[in-house]
């Protein structure tokens, strides 16, 4: 396993730009290989050229594409199956790694035939629910079994790499939104996660991580100089990513989390919500770094589609002080208190799991839900969750690549 990260001060470069710059000699080695690419729209150079065109233009023989959830070009919505196809821009055959079953999430027999290397270049957003990291991990496992090298081109954690929030996933709550025992907000880059998976997660392979240049752990995405490319259809801005570690919990409820609007995860509510009462209850928590604004919205799809929802918009005023998991636990607790019999948990299958409530999969621990149902102070529930990630923190420390 090789690590091409550097502590030298220089202009920020992603792993893709570092690879194309040829500093490590990795590009020369890649040119002699038959290459598969696991990519999506975020896989771009600093000049916004996609990795497919950039690498083929540099003389790399790209023979197959692999697409994570939402697809190579990210046309599909969340939990929407994507089929295999031919990429309409490059004309290269594409294998979907997000279909109708759990089995579709991993390369199947024959998908890696004829490949020497699979290069993974996808922007993660720093929250364990986001499925791309597990797609990379499952690719690592498949490459290990097939004797194919797996390279990960690193990109920054948009939320920085210093702050962590939440607990780790217990085995009984494992799913595609929590396949490894990671903290909710894990503070790691995708390259660091790949090393964690290889060392501690059982997804071993001949792994090579091409590190970034000029990124430090305290940097948010907008401090790197790189522009935001939407990682998925409902992750339009860095603001969305900042609230996502907590607000994704609302997927496990019958509240709209704002999907079908232009401000997903910031807007939330339902037709039954008394927005004034909800704002009053949340304001009473005096949470740092966030303001709740009365809002009315009409989702165009998914929960409460074409219905007018009363609710709030979460405005982050100090992202350094803001803690999304705490804020969203307070939202859930307030709705349990204010709207009994109307607010409830999602009861449909979620990410291919039918026998565990979605909220438990998202929390990674059923006791968090049970404590909130009993009326526990949500801030104390989150404090309890934070205390359950000690082992993860110790293992994580040995996988970090950047100062």
Protein backbone atom coordinates (compact mmCIF):
# COMPACT_ATOMS: atom_id res chain seq x y z
CA UNK A 1 0.00 0.00 0.00
CA UNK A 2 1.44 3.35 -0.98
CA UNK A 3 0.53 6.86 0.22
CA UNK A 4 1.39 9.77 -2.05
CA UNK A 5 0.22 12.55 0.28
CA UNK A 6 2.65 15.33 1.15
CA UNK A 7 2.90 17.89 3.92
CA UNK A 8 4.61 20.47 1.69
CA UNK A 9 2.86 23.81 1.23
CA UNK A 10 1.66 24.05 -2.35
CA UNK A 11 -1.47 24.84 -4.32
CA UNK A 12 -4.39 22.59 -3.48
CA UNK A 13 -4.73 19.58 -5.76
CA UNK A 14 -7.07 16.63 -5.59
CA UNK A 15 -5.76 13.12 -6.01
CA UNK A 16 -6.88 13.23 -9.65
CA UNK A 17 -4.88 16.39 -10.35
CA UNK A 18 -1.90 14.98 -8.47
CA UNK A 19 -2.08 11.81 -10.58
CA UNK A 20 -2.31 13.76 -13.84
CA UNK A 21 0.59 15.97 -12.71
CA UNK A 22 2.81 12.91 -12.80
CA UNK A 23 4.75 13.76 -9.66
CA UNK A 24 4.61 10.26 -8.19
CA UNK A 25 5.16 8.33 -11.39
CA UNK A 26 1.77 6.66 -10.91
CA UNK A 27 0.39 7.95 -14.21
CA UNK A 28 3.19 6.27 -16.14
CA UNK A 29 2.37 2.96 -14.47
CA UNK A 30 -1.33 3.42 -15.15
CA UNK A 31 -0.74 3.95 -18.86
CA UNK A 32 0.33 0.36 -19.27
CA UNK A 33 -2.79 -1.06 -17.60
CA UNK A 34 -6.36 -1.92 -18.55
CA UNK A 35 -8.34 0.41 -16.31
CA UNK A 36 -11.82 0.56 -14.87
CA UNK A 37 -13.10 3.83 -13.41
CA UNK A 38 -15.55 4.18 -10.51
CA UNK A 39 -16.72 7.75 -11.01
CA UNK A 40 -19.61 10.20 -10.95
CA UNK A 41 -20.01 13.92 -11.83
CA UNK A 42 -17.65 15.02 -9.02
CA UNK A 43 -14.73 13.26 -10.69
CA UNK A 44 -13.31 16.40 -12.31
CA UNK A 45 -9.97 18.14 -12.58
CA UNK A 46 -9.34 21.69 -11.40
CA UNK A 47 -10.28 22.74 -14.95
CA UNK A 48 -13.61 20.87 -14.71
CA UNK A 49 -12.61 18.15 -17.16
CA UNK A 50 -14.12 14.82 -16.16
CA UNK A 51 -11.74 12.04 -15.14
CA UNK A 52 -12.97 9.89 -18.03
CA UNK A 53 -11.82 12.39 -20.64
CA UNK A 54 -8.80 13.58 -18.64
CA UNK A 55 -7.37 10.09 -18.18
CA UNK A 56 -8.13 8.86 -21.69
CA UNK A 57 -6.63 12.08 -23.01
CA UNK A 58 -3.50 11.36 -20.97
CA UNK A 59 -3.13 7.99 -22.68
CA UNK A 60 -4.80 5.75 -20.08
CA UNK A 61 -6.71 2.78 -21.50
CA UNK A 62 -10.12 3.12 -19.80
CA UNK A 63 -12.12 0.04 -20.78
CA UNK A 64 -15.01 0.05 -18.28
CA UNK A 65 -16.91 2.47 -16.07
CA UNK A 66 -18.60 1.75 -12.75
CA UNK A 67 -21.35 3.94 -11.37
CA UNK A 68 -22.33 4.34 -7.68
CA UNK A 69 -25.80 5.27 -6.42
CA UNK A 70 -27.35 7.87 -8.77
CA UNK A 71 -25.19 6.65 -11.67
CA UNK A 72 -22.04 7.77 -13.47
CA UNK A 73 -23.78 10.98 -14.55
CA UNK A 74 -26.04 11.17 -11.43
CA UNK A 75 -29.39 11.36 -13.19
CA UNK A 76 -31.17 9.04 -10.71
CA UNK A 77 -32.76 10.04 -7.40
CA UNK A 78 -31.91 8.40 -4.06
CA UNK A 79 -32.71 4.69 -3.75
CA UNK A 80 -33.59 4.58 -7.47
CA UNK A 81 -32.15 1.52 -9.21
CA UNK A 82 -29.73 2.23 -12.05
CA UNK A 83 -29.13 -0.23 -14.85
CA UNK A 84 -25.96 -0.99 -16.78
CA UNK A 85 -25.52 0.85 -20.05
CA UNK A 86 -23.09 2.59 -22.35
CA UNK A 87 -22.01 6.04 -21.19
CA UNK A 88 -23.58 8.45 -23.69
CA UNK A 89 -20.65 10.86 -23.67
CA UNK A 90 -17.61 8.58 -23.76
CA UNK A 91 -19.23 5.50 -25.32
CA UNK A 92 -17.60 3.28 -22.69
CA UNK A 93 -19.50 0.32 -21.23
CA UNK A 94 -20.89 1.09 -17.77
CA UNK A 95 -21.63 -1.25 -14.85
CA UNK A 96 -24.13 -0.04 -12.26
CA UNK A 97 -23.32 -0.65 -8.60
CA UNK A 98 -26.78 0.35 -7.40
CA UNK A 99 -29.65 -1.80 -8.58
CA UNK A 100 -32.70 -3.57 -7.16
CA UNK A 101 -30.95 -5.78 -4.60
CA UNK A 102 -28.14 -5.93 -2.05
CA UNK A 103 -26.22 -8.10 -4.50
CA UNK A 104 -26.22 -5.26 -7.04
CA UNK A 105 -24.11 -3.07 -4.75
CA UNK A 106 -20.91 -4.98 -5.43
CA UNK A 107 -19.20 -5.97 -8.70
CA UNK A 108 -20.52 -9.32 -9.83
CA UNK A 109 -18.70 -12.23 -11.42
CA UNK A 110 -17.19 -11.07 -14.68
CA UNK A 111 -17.45 -7.32 -13.97
CA UNK A 112 -13.72 -7.08 -13.25
CA UNK A 113 -12.60 -9.47 -16.00
CA UNK A 114 -9.88 -8.04 -18.20
CA UNK A 115 -8.97 -5.25 -15.77
CA UNK A 116 -5.61 -4.64 -14.14
CA UNK A 117 -6.62 -1.62 -12.03
CA UNK A 118 -9.85 0.01 -10.85
CA UNK A 119 -9.45 3.72 -10.13
CA UNK A 120 -12.02 5.22 -7.73
CA UNK A 121 -12.54 8.97 -7.79
CA UNK A 122 -15.70 10.19 -6.03
CA UNK A 123 -16.39 13.12 -3.71
CA UNK A 124 -17.60 11.96 -0.30
CA UNK A 125 -19.34 14.43 2.05
CA UNK A 126 -18.08 13.34 5.45
CA UNK A 127 -21.17 11.57 6.79
CA UNK A 128 -21.47 7.81 7.26
CA UNK A 129 -24.93 7.56 5.65
CA UNK A 130 -23.56 8.64 2.29
CA UNK A 131 -23.25 5.46 0.27
CA UNK A 132 -20.28 6.27 -1.96
CA UNK A 133 -17.68 5.27 0.62
CA UNK A 134 -19.25 1.81 0.92
CA UNK A 135 -19.35 1.46 -2.86
CA UNK A 136 -15.61 2.10 -2.89
CA UNK A 137 -15.14 -0.34 -0.01
CA UNK A 138 -17.11 -3.08 -1.75
CA UNK A 139 -15.09 -2.44 -4.90
CA UNK A 140 -11.95 -2.85 -2.81
CA UNK A 141 -13.21 -6.20 -1.53
CA UNK A 142 -14.10 -7.37 -5.05
CA UNK A 143 -10.72 -6.25 -6.39
CA UNK A 144 -8.98 -8.14 -3.59
CA UNK A 145 -10.83 -11.32 -4.49
CA UNK A 146 -10.14 -10.89 -8.23
CA UNK A 147 -6.48 -9.96 -7.93
CA UNK A 148 -7.08 -6.48 -9.39
CA UNK A 149 -5.37 -3.38 -8.00
CA UNK A 150 -7.62 -0.69 -6.52
CA UNK A 151 -6.53 2.95 -6.56
CA UNK A 152 -8.38 5.69 -4.66
CA UNK A 153 -7.87 9.29 -5.77
CA UNK A 154 -8.45 11.38 -2.68
CA UNK A 155 -10.64 14.47 -2.32
CA UNK A 156 -11.27 16.71 0.71
CA UNK A 157 -13.83 16.05 3.38
CA UNK A 158 -16.12 19.06 2.77
CA UNK A 159 -16.76 19.41 6.52
CA UNK A 160 -13.08 19.38 7.40
CA UNK A 161 -11.26 16.58 9.14
CA UNK A 162 -11.19 17.63 12.77
CA UNK A 163 -14.73 17.46 14.21
CA UNK A 164 -16.59 14.21 14.80
CA UNK A 165 -20.21 13.70 15.80
CA UNK A 166 -22.33 10.73 16.79
CA UNK A 167 -21.79 7.08 17.54
CA UNK A 168 -20.71 4.07 15.52
CA UNK A 169 -23.06 1.57 13.85
CA UNK A 170 -23.85 -1.57 15.82
CA UNK A 171 -23.81 -4.85 13.84
CA UNK A 172 -27.58 -5.34 14.12
CA UNK A 173 -28.13 -1.94 12.51
CA UNK A 174 -25.73 -2.39 9.60
CA UNK A 175 -27.03 -1.43 6.16
CA UNK A 176 -25.95 0.45 3.04
CA UNK A 177 -26.15 3.67 5.09
CA UNK A 178 -23.83 2.13 7.68
CA UNK A 179 -21.81 -0.85 6.48
CA UNK A 180 -18.84 -0.11 8.73
CA UNK A 181 -18.63 1.04 12.38
CA UNK A 182 -17.96 4.70 11.52
CA UNK A 183 -18.97 7.77 13.48
CA UNK A 184 -21.89 9.70 12.01
CA UNK A 185 -19.62 12.62 11.11
CA UNK A 186 -16.34 10.80 10.79
CA UNK A 187 -13.86 13.54 9.90
CA UNK A 188 -12.04 11.44 7.30
CA UNK A 189 -11.36 11.73 3.59
CA UNK A 190 -12.29 8.94 1.21
CA UNK A 191 -8.64 7.93 0.93
CA UNK A 192 -8.39 7.70 4.71
CA UNK A 193 -11.62 5.70 4.82
CA UNK A 194 -10.19 3.32 2.23
CA UNK A 195 -7.19 2.73 4.47
CA UNK A 196 -9.53 2.21 7.45
CA UNK A 197 -11.55 -0.34 5.46
CA UNK A 198 -8.40 -2.21 4.42
CA UNK A 199 -6.84 -2.27 7.89
CA UNK A 200 -9.87 -2.65 10.14
CA UNK A 201 -12.96 -3.32 8.03
CA UNK A 202 -12.11 -6.57 6.29
CA UNK A 203 -12.13 -5.07 2.78
CA UNK A 204 -8.53 -5.82 1.87
CA UNK A 205 -6.97 -5.47 -1.55
CA UNK A 206 -3.83 -4.23 -3.30
CA UNK A 207 -4.67 -0.62 -2.41
CA UNK A 208 -2.99 2.56 -3.57
CA UNK A 209 -4.17 5.97 -2.34
CA UNK A 210 -3.16 9.01 -4.37
CA UNK A 211 -3.29 11.80 -1.83
CA UNK A 212 -4.16 15.47 -2.16
CA UNK A 213 -1.67 18.30 -2.11
CA UNK A 214 -2.19 21.37 0.05
CA UNK A 215 -5.17 20.22 2.13
CA UNK A 216 -5.20 20.50 5.91
CA UNK A 217 -7.70 18.98 8.30
CA UNK A 218 -9.15 22.28 9.40
CA UNK A 219 -10.25 23.28 5.89
CA UNK A 220 -13.87 23.29 4.78
CA UNK A 221 -14.55 22.67 1.11
CA UNK A 222 -14.96 26.36 0.25
CA UNK A 223 -11.53 27.08 1.74
CA UNK A 224 -9.74 24.83 -0.77
CA UNK A 225 -10.39 27.03 -3.80
CA UNK A 226 -12.23 24.18 -5.52
CA UNK A 227 -15.76 24.74 -6.78
CA UNK A 228 -18.66 22.63 -5.56
CA UNK A 229 -19.86 19.96 -7.98
CA UNK A 230 -23.08 18.35 -6.78
CA UNK A 231 -22.15 14.89 -5.43
CA UNK A 232 -25.79 13.75 -5.78
CA UNK A 233 -29.11 15.28 -6.88
CA UNK A 234 -30.08 16.36 -3.36
CA UNK A 235 -26.68 17.66 -2.27
CA UNK A 236 -26.67 20.95 -4.20
CA UNK A 237 -24.44 23.06 -1.93
CA UNK A 238 -21.93 22.93 0.89
CA UNK A 239 -24.73 24.33 3.10
CA UNK A 240 -26.61 21.09 2.45
CA UNK A 241 -23.61 18.98 3.45
CA UNK A 242 -23.19 20.96 6.69
CA UNK A 243 -26.70 20.10 7.94
CA UNK A 244 -26.77 16.58 6.48
CA UNK A 245 -25.12 14.64 9.37
CA UNK A 246 -28.21 15.27 11.48
CA UNK A 247 -30.91 16.08 8.96
CA UNK A 248 -30.56 12.77 7.15
CA UNK A 249 -32.15 11.26 10.28
CA UNK A 250 -35.42 12.75 9.04
CA UNK A 251 -35.41 10.15 6.26
CA UNK A 252 -36.36 7.73 9.03
CA UNK A 253 -39.50 9.74 9.85
CA UNK A 254 -42.66 10.91 8.09
CA UNK A 255 -41.38 14.49 8.00
CA UNK A 256 -40.30 15.79 4.63
CA UNK A 257 -36.57 16.44 4.73
CA UNK A 258 -37.00 18.88 1.86
CA UNK A 259 -36.38 16.48 -1.00
CA UNK A 260 -38.28 17.79 -3.99
CA UNK A 261 -37.35 21.39 -3.11
CA UNK A 262 -34.34 23.52 -3.97
CA UNK A 263 -33.11 23.45 -0.33
CA UNK A 264 -33.15 19.75 0.65
CA UNK A 265 -32.25 18.95 4.29
CA UNK A 266 -32.36 22.64 5.23
CA UNK A 267 -36.16 22.75 4.80
CA UNK A 268 -38.21 20.28 6.82
CA UNK A 269 -41.82 19.86 7.83
CA UNK A 270 -45.14 18.19 7.02
CA UNK A 271 -48.77 19.15 6.39
CA UNK A 272 -49.60 18.41 10.04
CA UNK A 273 -46.81 20.54 11.56
CA UNK A 274 -47.59 23.63 13.64
CA UNK A 275 -44.52 25.57 12.56
CA UNK A 276 -44.87 28.29 15.19
CA UNK A 277 -45.00 25.74 18.00
CA UNK A 278 -42.09 23.81 16.54
CA UNK A 279 -39.93 26.92 16.20
CA UNK A 280 -40.74 27.95 19.77
CA UNK A 281 -39.73 24.53 21.07
CA UNK A 282 -36.48 24.47 19.10
CA UNK A 283 -35.58 28.03 20.02
CA UNK A 284 -35.89 27.03 23.68
CA UNK A 285 -32.90 24.69 23.24
CA UNK A 286 -30.72 27.73 22.41
CA UNK A 287 -28.55 25.63 20.10
CA UNK A 288 -25.28 27.25 19.04
CA UNK A 289 -24.65 28.26 15.44
CA UNK A 290 -28.16 27.79 14.04
CA UNK A 291 -31.37 29.77 13.56
CA UNK A 292 -34.75 28.25 12.65
CA UNK A 293 -36.94 30.27 10.26
CA UNK A 294 -40.66 29.72 9.72
CA UNK A 295 -41.19 28.25 6.26
CA UNK A 296 -43.88 26.82 4.01
CA UNK A 297 -42.94 24.63 1.05
CA UNK A 298 -44.37 22.15 -1.43
CA UNK A 299 -42.16 19.17 -2.36
CA UNK A 300 -42.39 18.20 -6.02
CA UNK A 301 -41.63 14.54 -5.31
CA UNK A 302 -41.16 11.98 -2.52
CA UNK A 303 -42.73 12.54 0.91
CA UNK A 304 -45.80 14.82 0.84
CA UNK A 305 -45.32 15.43 -2.89
CA UNK A 306 -47.47 18.33 -4.14
CA UNK A 307 -48.77 19.00 -0.62
CA UNK A 308 -48.11 22.22 1.24
CA UNK A 309 -45.88 21.52 4.23
CA UNK A 310 -45.57 23.80 7.22
CA UNK A 311 -42.16 23.74 8.82
CA UNK A 312 -38.84 25.47 9.20
CA UNK A 313 -35.61 26.18 7.42
CA UNK A 314 -32.40 25.51 9.30
CA UNK A 315 -29.96 28.40 8.79
CA UNK A 316 -26.41 27.76 10.01
CA UNK A 317 -24.91 31.00 11.31
CA UNK A 318 -21.68 29.61 12.77
CA UNK A 319 -20.62 26.35 11.18
CA UNK A 320 -17.76 25.90 13.61
CA UNK A 321 -20.10 25.89 16.60
CA UNK A 322 -23.02 24.13 14.90
CA UNK A 323 -23.56 20.43 15.62
CA UNK A 324 -25.99 18.93 13.15
CA UNK A 325 -26.67 15.65 14.96
CA UNK A 326 -27.65 17.50 18.13
CA UNK A 327 -29.86 19.96 16.25
CA UNK A 328 -31.70 17.22 14.36
CA UNK A 329 -32.15 15.08 17.47
CA UNK A 330 -33.85 18.14 18.95
CA UNK A 331 -36.09 18.36 15.85
CA UNK A 332 -37.11 14.72 16.24
CA UNK A 333 -37.68 15.08 19.98
CA UNK A 334 -39.78 18.22 19.52
CA UNK A 335 -41.97 16.52 16.91
CA UNK A 336 -42.49 13.50 19.16
CA UNK A 337 -43.61 15.87 21.92
CA UNK A 338 -45.72 18.27 19.85
CA UNK A 339 -47.40 16.02 17.28
CA UNK A 340 -48.24 12.69 18.97
CA UNK A 341 -50.20 10.38 16.70
CA UNK A 342 -49.18 12.33 13.61
CA UNK A 343 -45.40 12.41 13.66
CA UNK A 344 -44.04 8.90 13.19
CA UNK A 345 -41.24 6.67 11.99
CA UNK A 346 -40.82 5.54 8.39
CA UNK A 347 -42.18 1.98 8.16
CA UNK A 348 -41.25 1.13 4.55
CA UNK A 349 -38.12 -0.83 3.62
CA UNK A 350 -35.04 1.37 3.62
CA UNK A 351 -31.84 0.67 1.69
CA UNK A 352 -32.82 -2.99 1.13
CA UNK A 353 -33.59 -3.61 4.83
CA UNK A 354 -37.15 -4.49 5.84
CA UNK A 355 -36.94 -5.80 9.42
CA UNK A 356 -35.19 -2.85 11.12
CA UNK A 357 -36.76 0.63 11.30
CA UNK A 358 -35.04 3.16 9.07
CA UNK A 359 -34.44 5.47 12.02
CA UNK A 360 -32.49 2.71 13.79
CA UNK A 361 -30.37 2.11 10.69
CA UNK A 362 -29.59 5.81 10.52
CA UNK A 363 -28.80 6.18 14.22
CA UNK A 364 -26.92 2.88 14.05
CA UNK A 365 -28.39 1.96 17.42
CA UNK A 366 -32.04 1.32 18.36
CA UNK A 367 -31.54 2.66 21.88
CA UNK A 368 -31.27 6.23 20.57
CA UNK A 369 -34.81 6.03 19.21
CA UNK A 370 -36.06 4.38 22.39
CA UNK A 371 -34.56 7.10 24.58
CA UNK A 372 -36.16 9.83 22.49
CA UNK A 373 -39.51 8.03 22.62
CA UNK A 374 -39.25 7.98 26.41
CA UNK A 375 -38.83 11.75 26.43
CA UNK A 376 -35.12 11.95 27.20
CA UNK A 377 -33.43 15.29 26.59
CA UNK A 378 -32.12 14.97 23.01
CA UNK A 379 -28.90 16.78 23.90
CA UNK A 380 -28.20 14.12 26.51
CA UNK A 381 -29.04 11.38 23.98
CA UNK A 382 -26.44 12.77 21.59
CA UNK A 383 -23.91 13.12 24.39
CA UNK A 384 -24.49 9.44 25.14
CA UNK A 385 -24.05 8.59 21.45
CA UNK A 386 -20.81 10.60 21.27
CA UNK A 387 -19.45 8.54 24.15
CA UNK A 388 -19.80 5.31 22.18
CA UNK A 389 -17.17 5.94 19.48
CA UNK A 390 -13.97 5.59 21.51
CA UNK A 391 -12.71 2.49 19.69
CA UNK A 392 -13.38 4.10 16.32
CA UNK A 393 -11.39 7.19 17.27
CA UNK A 394 -8.40 5.08 18.25
CA UNK A 395 -8.45 3.10 14.98
CA UNK A 396 -9.14 6.21 12.91
CA UNK A 397 -6.03 7.95 14.23
CA UNK A 398 -3.75 5.43 12.52
CA UNK A 399 -5.38 5.98 9.11
CA UNK A 400 -5.12 9.77 8.86
CA UNK A 401 -2.95 11.09 6.04
CA UNK A 402 -2.98 14.86 6.50
CA UNK A 403 -1.80 17.33 9.14
